Amino acid sequence: MKITLSLSGGGLRGAAHVGVIKFLEEQGVEVTAVAGSSAGAIVGLFLAYGLKSKDMLEFLNNLEKKELFVWASDSVGIFSMKKLENKLRGIIEIDDYRNLKIPLYTCVTDIDTGEKCYIKEGDPIEYTIASSTITPLFEAKKIGKNTYIDGGFSDNLPVKPLKIYDEKNLAININPLRGEDLDSFKSLLIRSILIMIRSNSMPSKKLTDAYLEIKGVSHMHLFNFSEIDMAYKAGYDEIKANWGELSKKLL
């Protein structure tokens, strides 16, 4: 079976995408093109570059909090993603989308126009970082003359750019909402972000051929490093449990 794959953002919940990819590998499913926002853009980059699920999970498990949350200087953002960018360059040894093994579309949001952009040319690592900058937590990413922020702000589940392909599309959403106590500025901010990015993911359900929301990550915080393996297992278990129905829609 050949498919295209759309991956939503969701912080370290992105490990659930890796669990999904592990299951697809076992089923012999070939992904011919991938699109992603934020965490989905990172996993999409790994997939397009040719990494296997075990390598993706190893990268996430080796990621340290100090590499993600670096105080930004002379910036309107609180944290910088420069260390994460350097870490990505340590394993992704290309600087042009044309050198990827399969097509990759990275969704970013143009901060000046508010428009979503599906990037497929240039340096994929730069745009992957841009797609992952959840402002105001992280500083915006300037590339050339333009400045970009998290792709999830405009299209958190990019299916649209993959509609040009003949293969059917599988869309994976890792942002189920949960009930919780909003007892701090941080919890209120994260909840607001989740509501916003979830709402702009819903139109993608009408565009995709098969849709799966990973419910097992609903109680996982966006940046809880101790829950990466749990998210990975949730992604694997839930696509396995739903594969009978999903696979029929993808044939």
C-alpha atoms as a PDB file:
ATOM      1  CA  MET A   1       0.000   0.000   0.000  1.00  0.00           C
ATOM      2  CA  LYS A   2       1.183   3.520  -0.837  1.00  0.00           C
ATOM      3  CA  ILE A   3      -0.138   6.593   0.992  1.00  0.00           C
ATOM      4  CA  THR A   4       0.637  10.215   1.778  1.00  0.00           C
ATOM      5  CA  LEU A   5       0.878  11.217   5.435  1.00  0.00           C
ATOM      6  CA  SER A   6      -0.165  14.390   7.277  1.00  0.00           C
ATOM      7  CA  LEU A   7       1.187  14.974  10.791  1.00  0.00           C
ATOM      8  CA  SER A   8      -0.137  17.538  13.254  1.00  0.00           C
ATOM      9  CA  GLY A   9       1.801  19.566  15.759  1.00  0.00           C
ATOM     10  CA  GLY A  10       1.658  18.919  19.496  1.00  0.00           C
ATOM     11  CA  GLY A  11       5.007  19.339  21.208  1.00  0.00           C
ATOM     12  CA  LEU A  12       6.573  16.161  22.566  1.00  0.00           C
ATOM     13  CA  ARG A  13       3.310  14.388  21.838  1.00  0.00           C
ATOM     14  CA  GLY A  14       4.976  14.088  18.432  1.00  0.00           C
ATOM     15  CA  ALA A  15       6.421  10.815  19.687  1.00  0.00           C
ATOM     16  CA  ALA A  16       2.966   9.387  18.933  1.00  0.00           C
ATOM     17  CA  HIS A  17       3.671  10.044  15.237  1.00  0.00           C
ATOM     18  CA  VAL A  18       6.753   7.875  15.553  1.00  0.00           C
ATOM     19  CA  GLY A  19       4.638   5.066  16.987  1.00  0.00           C
ATOM     20  CA  VAL A  20       2.312   5.385  13.995  1.00  0.00           C
ATOM     21  CA  ILE A  21       5.270   5.220  11.605  1.00  0.00           C
ATOM     22  CA  LYS A  22       6.582   2.125  13.398  1.00  0.00           C
ATOM     23  CA  PHE A  23       3.275   0.360  12.749  1.00  0.00           C
ATOM     24  CA  LEU A  24       3.225   1.480   9.094  1.00  0.00           C
ATOM     25  CA  GLU A  25       6.744   0.080   8.677  1.00  0.00           C
ATOM     26  CA  GLU A  26       5.591  -3.273  10.024  1.00  0.00           C
ATOM     27  CA  GLN A  27       2.671  -3.308   7.601  1.00  0.00           C
ATOM     28  CA  GLY A  28       4.915  -2.550   4.639  1.00  0.00           C
ATOM     29  CA  VAL A  29       3.088   0.719   3.940  1.00  0.00           C
ATOM     30  CA  GLU A  30       5.084   3.081   1.723  1.00  0.00           C
ATOM     31  CA  VAL A  31       4.734   6.803   2.418  1.00  0.00           C
ATOM     32  CA  THR A  32       5.262   8.660  -0.869  1.00  0.00           C
ATOM     33  CA  ALA A  33       4.946  12.237   0.468  1.00  0.00           C
ATOM     34  CA  VAL A  34       4.563  13.842   3.890  1.00  0.00           C
ATOM     35  CA  ALA A  35       3.374  17.170   5.290  1.00  0.00           C
ATOM     36  CA  GLY A  36       3.602  18.420   8.849  1.00  0.00           C
ATOM     37  CA  SER A  37       3.267  21.320  11.236  1.00  0.00           C
ATOM     38  CA  SER A  38       5.430  21.950  14.304  1.00  0.00           C
ATOM     39  CA  ALA A  39       6.246  18.561  15.913  1.00  0.00           C
ATOM     40  CA  GLY A  40       4.731  16.953  12.825  1.00  0.00           C
ATOM     41  CA  ALA A  41       7.165  18.918  10.700  1.00  0.00           C
ATOM     42  CA  ILE A  42      10.086  17.495  12.690  1.00  0.00           C
ATOM     43  CA  VAL A  43       8.887  13.902  12.375  1.00  0.00           C
ATOM     44  CA  GLY A  44       8.018  14.558   8.728  1.00  0.00           C
ATOM     45  CA  LEU A  45      11.564  15.754   8.116  1.00  0.00           C
ATOM     46  CA  PHE A  46      12.939  12.576   9.678  1.00  0.00           C
ATOM     47  CA  LEU A  47      10.675  10.449   7.493  1.00  0.00           C
ATOM     48  CA  ALA A  48      11.446  12.346   4.283  1.00  0.00           C
ATOM     49  CA  TYR A  49      15.174  12.094   5.018  1.00  0.00           C
ATOM     50  CA  GLY A  50      14.892   8.326   5.332  1.00  0.00           C
ATOM     51  CA  LEU A  51      15.199   7.746   9.072  1.00  0.00           C
ATOM     52  CA  LYS A  52      13.441   4.729  10.542  1.00  0.00           C
ATOM     53  CA  SER A  53      11.138   4.889  13.551  1.00  0.00           C
ATOM     54  CA  LYS A  54      13.789   3.526  15.933  1.00  0.00           C
ATOM     55  CA  ASP A  55      16.158   6.364  14.976  1.00  0.00           C
ATOM     56  CA  MET A  56      13.388   8.952  15.429  1.00  0.00           C
ATOM     57  CA  LEU A  57      12.523   7.634  18.887  1.00  0.00           C
ATOM     58  CA  GLU A  58      16.195   7.598  19.865  1.00  0.00           C
ATOM     59  CA  PHE A  59      16.501  11.256  18.842  1.00  0.00           C
ATOM     60  CA  LEU A  60      13.505  12.235  20.971  1.00  0.00           C
ATOM     61  CA  ASN A  61      14.663  10.221  23.972  1.00  0.00           C
ATOM     62  CA  ASN A  62      18.110  11.834  23.771  1.00  0.00           C
ATOM     63  CA  LEU A  63      16.646  15.324  23.580  1.00  0.00           C
ATOM     64  CA  GLU A  64      17.312  17.297  26.763  1.00  0.00           C
ATOM     65  CA  LYS A  65      15.230  20.064  28.251  1.00  0.00           C
ATOM     66  CA  LYS A  66      18.200  22.412  28.144  1.00  0.00           C
ATOM     67  CA  GLU A  67      18.427  21.891  24.370  1.00  0.00           C
ATOM     68  CA  LEU A  68      14.838  22.964  23.820  1.00  0.00           C
ATOM     69  CA  PHE A  69      14.429  25.699  26.412  1.00  0.00           C
ATOM     70  CA  VAL A  70      17.346  28.060  25.824  1.00  0.00           C
ATOM     71  CA  TRP A  71      16.877  31.631  26.993  1.00  0.00           C
ATOM     72  CA  ALA A  72      16.653  33.960  24.007  1.00  0.00           C
ATOM     73  CA  SER A  73      18.618  37.198  24.055  1.00  0.00           C
ATOM     74  CA  ASP A  74      17.588  40.364  22.217  1.00  0.00           C
ATOM     75  CA  SER A  75      14.349  38.714  21.139  1.00  0.00           C
ATOM     76  CA  VAL A  76      10.631  39.101  21.790  1.00  0.00           C
ATOM     77  CA  GLY A  77      10.423  35.353  22.385  1.00  0.00           C
ATOM     78  CA  ILE A  78      11.266  33.784  25.736  1.00  0.00           C
ATOM     79  CA  PHE A  79      13.242  30.812  24.385  1.00  0.00           C
ATOM     80  CA  SER A  80      15.502  30.161  21.396  1.00  0.00           C
ATOM     81  CA  MET A  81      15.535  26.987  19.287  1.00  0.00           C
ATOM     82  CA  LYS A  82      19.119  27.368  18.082  1.00  0.00           C
ATOM     83  CA  LYS A  83      20.366  24.339  20.007  1.00  0.00           C
ATOM     84  CA  LEU A  84      17.576  22.188  18.586  1.00  0.00           C
ATOM     85  CA  GLU A  85      18.446  23.420  15.098  1.00  0.00           C
ATOM     86  CA  ASN A  86      22.094  22.455  15.630  1.00  0.00           C
ATOM     87  CA  LYS A  87      21.047  19.052  16.935  1.00  0.00           C
ATOM     88  CA  LEU A  88      18.924  18.456  13.828  1.00  0.00           C
ATOM     89  CA  ARG A  89      21.838  19.414  11.598  1.00  0.00           C
ATOM     90  CA  GLY A  90      23.885  16.750  13.338  1.00  0.00           C
ATOM     91  CA  ILE A  91      21.719  13.999  11.841  1.00  0.00           C
ATOM     92  CA  ILE A  92      20.048  15.602   8.802  1.00  0.00           C
ATOM     93  CA  GLU A  93      23.001  16.140   6.494  1.00  0.00           C
ATOM     94  CA  ILE A  94      21.310  18.086   3.694  1.00  0.00           C
ATOM     95  CA  ASP A  95      20.353  21.715   3.161  1.00  0.00           C
ATOM     96  CA  ASP A  96      17.806  21.495   0.344  1.00  0.00           C
ATOM     97  CA  TYR A  97      14.362  19.899   0.037  1.00  0.00           C
ATOM     98  CA  ARG A  98      15.409  18.479  -3.334  1.00  0.00           C
ATOM     99  CA  ASN A  99      17.812  16.097  -1.588  1.00  0.00           C
ATOM    100  CA  LEU A 100      15.135  14.423   0.534  1.00  0.00           C
ATOM    101  CA  LYS A 101      14.069  10.889  -0.379  1.00  0.00           C
ATOM    102  CA  ILE A 102      10.375  11.766  -0.595  1.00  0.00           C
ATOM    103  CA  PRO A 103       8.580  15.126  -0.973  1.00  0.00           C
ATOM    104  CA  LEU A 104       8.126  17.090   2.256  1.00  0.00           C
ATOM    105  CA  TYR A 105       5.787  20.038   2.803  1.00  0.00           C
ATOM    106  CA  THR A 106       6.508  22.089   5.922  1.00  0.00           C
ATOM    107  CA  CYS A 107       3.686  24.319   7.104  1.00  0.00           C
ATOM    108  CA  VAL A 108       4.761  27.686   8.523  1.00  0.00           C
ATOM    109  CA  THR A 109       2.816  30.844   9.316  1.00  0.00           C
ATOM    110  CA  ASP A 110       3.961  34.155   7.853  1.00  0.00           C
ATOM    111  CA  ILE A 111       3.886  36.532  10.825  1.00  0.00           C
ATOM    112  CA  ASP A 112       3.312  39.582   8.618  1.00  0.00           C
ATOM    113  CA  THR A 113       0.339  38.267   6.636  1.00  0.00           C
ATOM    114  CA  GLY A 114      -0.933  35.559   8.971  1.00  0.00           C
ATOM    115  CA  GLU A 115      -1.103  33.250   5.969  1.00  0.00           C
ATOM    116  CA  LYS A 116      -0.149  29.587   5.968  1.00  0.00           C
ATOM    117  CA  CYS A 117       2.703  28.612   3.671  1.00  0.00           C
ATOM    118  CA  TYR A 118       3.490  25.067   2.574  1.00  0.00           C
ATOM    119  CA  ILE A 119       7.242  25.143   2.019  1.00  0.00           C
ATOM    120  CA  LYS A 120       8.924  22.676  -0.332  1.00  0.00           C
ATOM    121  CA  GLU A 121      12.029  24.611  -1.417  1.00  0.00           C
ATOM    122  CA  GLY A 122      15.087  25.869   0.457  1.00  0.00           C
ATOM    123  CA  ASP A 123      16.698  24.558   3.634  1.00  0.00           C
ATOM    124  CA  PRO A 124      14.269  22.086   5.256  1.00  0.00           C
ATOM    125  CA  ILE A 125      15.877  22.377   8.682  1.00  0.00           C
ATOM    126  CA  GLU A 126      15.379  26.138   8.789  1.00  0.00           C
ATOM    127  CA  TYR A 127      11.723  25.796   7.890  1.00  0.00           C
ATOM    128  CA  THR A 128      11.229  22.887  10.286  1.00  0.00           C
ATOM    129  CA  ILE A 129      12.459  25.112  13.106  1.00  0.00           C
ATOM    130  CA  ALA A 130      10.239  27.939  11.874  1.00  0.00           C
ATOM    131  CA  SER A 131       7.248  25.589  11.877  1.00  0.00           C
ATOM    132  CA  SER A 132       7.966  24.687  15.514  1.00  0.00           C
ATOM    133  CA  THR A 133       8.230  28.184  17.007  1.00  0.00           C
ATOM    134  CA  ILE A 134       5.206  28.401  19.287  1.00  0.00           C
ATOM    135  CA  THR A 135       5.242  32.125  20.001  1.00  0.00           C
ATOM    136  CA  PRO A 136       5.506  33.805  22.427  1.00  0.00           C
ATOM    137  CA  LEU A 137       7.243  30.861  24.138  1.00  0.00           C
ATOM    138  CA  PHE A 138       9.817  30.699  21.328  1.00  0.00           C
ATOM    139  CA  GLU A 139      11.273  33.425  19.185  1.00  0.00           C
ATOM    140  CA  ALA A 140      10.050  33.797  15.613  1.00  0.00           C
ATOM    141  CA  LYS A 141      12.303  32.500  12.825  1.00  0.00           C
ATOM    142  CA  LYS A 142      13.555  34.922  10.173  1.00  0.00           C
ATOM    143  CA  ILE A 143      14.413  33.302   6.836  1.00  0.00           C
ATOM    144  CA  GLY A 144      15.473  35.644   4.075  1.00  0.00           C
ATOM    145  CA  LYS A 145      13.163  38.655   4.103  1.00  0.00           C
ATOM    146  CA  ASN A 146      10.304  36.844   5.815  1.00  0.00           C
ATOM    147  CA  THR A 147       9.611  35.979   9.424  1.00  0.00           C
ATOM    148  CA  TYR A 148       7.699  32.834  10.331  1.00  0.00           C
ATOM    149  CA  ILE A 149       6.048  31.315  13.375  1.00  0.00           C
ATOM    150  CA  ASP A 150       4.528  27.944  14.223  1.00  0.00           C
ATOM    151  CA  GLY A 151       2.660  26.277  11.372  1.00  0.00           C
ATOM    152  CA  GLY A 152       0.025  25.152  13.843  1.00  0.00           C
ATOM    153  CA  PHE A 153      -1.281  28.696  14.119  1.00  0.00           C
ATOM    154  CA  SER A 154      -2.580  28.562  10.538  1.00  0.00           C
ATOM    155  CA  ASP A 155      -2.893  24.858   9.619  1.00  0.00           C
ATOM    156  CA  ASN A 156      -1.972  22.361  12.289  1.00  0.00           C
ATOM    157  CA  LEU A 157      -2.814  19.325  10.152  1.00  0.00           C
ATOM    158  CA  PRO A 158      -1.669  20.055   6.590  1.00  0.00           C
ATOM    159  CA  VAL A 159      -3.529  17.800   4.168  1.00  0.00           C
ATOM    160  CA  LYS A 160      -4.118  20.324   1.384  1.00  0.00           C
ATOM    161  CA  PRO A 161      -0.613  20.290  -0.195  1.00  0.00           C
ATOM    162  CA  LEU A 162      -0.782  16.492  -0.555  1.00  0.00           C
ATOM    163  CA  LYS A 163      -3.995  16.464  -2.582  1.00  0.00           C
ATOM    164  CA  ILE A 164      -1.953  16.726  -5.794  1.00  0.00           C
ATOM    165  CA  TYR A 165      -0.810  13.115  -5.342  1.00  0.00           C
ATOM    166  CA  ASP A 166      -2.656  10.043  -6.547  1.00  0.00           C
ATOM    167  CA  GLU A 167      -2.154   8.146  -3.288  1.00  0.00           C
ATOM    168  CA  LYS A 168      -4.748   8.447  -0.562  1.00  0.00           C
ATOM    169  CA  ASN A 169      -3.987  10.437   2.563  1.00  0.00           C
ATOM    170  CA  LEU A 170      -3.766   9.426   6.219  1.00  0.00           C
ATOM    171  CA  ALA A 171      -3.950  12.328   8.697  1.00  0.00           C
ATOM    172  CA  ILE A 172      -2.794  11.906  12.311  1.00  0.00           C
ATOM    173  CA  ASN A 173      -3.928  14.426  14.934  1.00  0.00           C
ATOM    174  CA  ILE A 174      -2.153  14.402  18.303  1.00  0.00           C
ATOM    175  CA  ASN A 175      -4.180  17.174  19.943  1.00  0.00           C
ATOM    176  CA  PRO A 176      -7.226  15.707  21.681  1.00  0.00           C
ATOM    177  CA  LEU A 177      -8.620  18.117  24.266  1.00  0.00           C
ATOM    178  CA  ARG A 178      -8.907  17.187  27.919  1.00  0.00           C
ATOM    179  CA  GLY A 179     -10.640  18.584  30.938  1.00  0.00           C
ATOM    180  CA  GLU A 180      -8.198  20.156  33.382  1.00  0.00           C
ATOM    181  CA  ASP A 181      -7.793  22.736  36.116  1.00  0.00           C
ATOM    182  CA  LEU A 182      -6.506  26.026  34.762  1.00  0.00           C
ATOM    183  CA  ASP A 183      -4.595  27.149  37.831  1.00  0.00           C
ATOM    184  CA  SER A 184      -1.666  29.025  36.309  1.00  0.00           C
ATOM    185  CA  PHE A 185      -0.718  31.369  33.478  1.00  0.00           C
ATOM    186  CA  LYS A 186       1.137  28.502  31.792  1.00  0.00           C
ATOM    187  CA  SER A 187      -1.808  26.093  31.924  1.00  0.00           C
ATOM    188  CA  LEU A 188      -4.151  28.767  30.560  1.00  0.00           C
ATOM    189  CA  LEU A 189      -1.728  29.625  27.753  1.00  0.00           C
ATOM    190  CA  ILE A 190      -1.234  25.987  26.721  1.00  0.00           C
ATOM    191  CA  ARG A 191      -4.980  25.324  26.839  1.00  0.00           C
ATOM    192  CA  SER A 192      -5.658  28.360  24.651  1.00  0.00           C
ATOM    193  CA  ILE A 193      -3.030  27.251  22.134  1.00  0.00           C
ATOM    194  CA  LEU A 194      -4.493  23.739  22.004  1.00  0.00           C
ATOM    195  CA  ILE A 195      -8.014  25.065  21.370  1.00  0.00           C
ATOM    196  CA  MET A 196      -6.786  27.329  18.592  1.00  0.00           C
ATOM    197  CA  ILE A 197      -4.708  24.735  16.762  1.00  0.00           C
ATOM    198  CA  ARG A 198      -7.368  22.073  17.170  1.00  0.00           C
ATOM    199  CA  SER A 199      -9.985  24.309  15.566  1.00  0.00           C
ATOM    200  CA  ASN A 200      -7.890  24.882  12.445  1.00  0.00           C
ATOM    201  CA  SER A 201      -7.236  21.147  12.167  1.00  0.00           C
ATOM    202  CA  MET A 202     -10.903  20.287  11.734  1.00  0.00           C
ATOM    203  CA  PRO A 203     -11.192  21.328   8.040  1.00  0.00           C
ATOM    204  CA  SER A 204      -8.498  18.751   7.254  1.00  0.00           C
ATOM    205  CA  LYS A 205     -10.887  15.979   8.321  1.00  0.00           C
ATOM    206  CA  LYS A 206     -12.965  16.827   5.231  1.00  0.00           C
ATOM    207  CA  LEU A 207      -9.923  16.736   2.945  1.00  0.00           C
ATOM    208  CA  THR A 208      -8.258  13.547   4.122  1.00  0.00           C
ATOM    209  CA  ASP A 209      -9.201   9.996   3.221  1.00  0.00           C
ATOM    210  CA  ALA A 210      -8.495   8.539   6.672  1.00  0.00           C
ATOM    211  CA  TYR A 211      -8.252  10.392   9.990  1.00  0.00           C
ATOM    212  CA  LEU A 212      -6.988   9.248  13.377  1.00  0.00           C
ATOM    213  CA  GLU A 213      -6.856  11.257  16.587  1.00  0.00           C
ATOM    214  CA  ILE A 214      -4.494   9.785  19.162  1.00  0.00           C
ATOM    215  CA  LYS A 215      -6.602   9.985  22.313  1.00  0.00           C
ATOM    216  CA  GLY A 216      -4.002   8.373  24.564  1.00  0.00           C
ATOM    217  CA  VAL A 217      -1.917  11.576  24.675  1.00  0.00           C
ATOM    218  CA  SER A 218      -4.779  13.749  25.961  1.00  0.00           C
ATOM    219  CA  HIS A 219      -3.271  13.978  29.448  1.00  0.00           C
ATOM    220  CA  MET A 220       0.283  14.473  28.238  1.00  0.00           C
ATOM    221  CA  HIS A 221       1.654  17.972  28.549  1.00  0.00           C
ATOM    222  CA  LEU A 222       3.226  19.472  25.441  1.00  0.00           C
ATOM    223  CA  PHE A 223       6.723  19.455  26.904  1.00  0.00           C
ATOM    224  CA  ASN A 224       6.853  16.529  29.337  1.00  0.00           C
ATOM    225  CA  PHE A 225      10.063  14.686  28.503  1.00  0.00           C
ATOM    226  CA  SER A 226       9.199  11.788  30.820  1.00  0.00           C
ATOM    227  CA  GLU A 227       6.153  10.839  28.727  1.00  0.00           C
ATOM    228  CA  ILE A 228       7.816  10.381  25.336  1.00  0.00           C
ATOM    229  CA  ASP A 229       7.698   6.580  25.469  1.00  0.00           C
ATOM    230  CA  MET A 230       4.068   6.713  26.587  1.00  0.00           C
ATOM    231  CA  ALA A 231       3.151   8.875  23.599  1.00  0.00           C
ATOM    232  CA  TYR A 232       5.046   6.543  21.261  1.00  0.00           C
ATOM    233  CA  LYS A 233       3.111   3.558  22.613  1.00  0.00           C
ATOM    234  CA  ALA A 234      -0.210   5.398  22.333  1.00  0.00           C
ATOM    235  CA  GLY A 235       0.447   6.155  18.664  1.00  0.00           C
ATOM    236  CA  TYR A 236       1.426   2.570  17.918  1.00  0.00           C
ATOM    237  CA  ASP A 237      -1.422   0.956  19.864  1.00  0.00           C
ATOM    238  CA  GLU A 238      -4.156   3.214  18.532  1.00  0.00           C
ATOM    239  CA  ILE A 239      -3.310   2.913  14.843  1.00  0.00           C
ATOM    240  CA  LYS A 240      -3.008  -0.848  15.320  1.00  0.00           C
ATOM    241  CA  ALA A 241      -6.448  -0.976  16.945  1.00  0.00           C
ATOM    242  CA  ASN A 242      -8.016   1.129  14.172  1.00  0.00           C
ATOM    243  CA  TRP A 243      -6.048  -0.217  11.204  1.00  0.00           C
ATOM    244  CA  GLY A 244      -8.826  -2.470   9.931  1.00  0.00           C
ATOM    245  CA  GLU A 245     -11.118   0.506   9.344  1.00  0.00           C
ATOM    246  CA  LEU A 246      -8.388   2.922   8.287  1.00  0.00           C
ATOM    247  CA  SER A 247      -6.825   0.568   5.747  1.00  0.00           C
ATOM    248  CA  LYS A 248     -10.150   0.122   3.943  1.00  0.00           C
ATOM    249  CA  LYS A 249     -10.336   3.891   3.430  1.00  0.00           C
ATOM    250  CA  LEU A 250      -6.769   3.973   2.121  1.00  0.00           C
ATOM    251  CA  LEU A 251      -7.139   1.251  -0.518  1.00  0.00           C
END
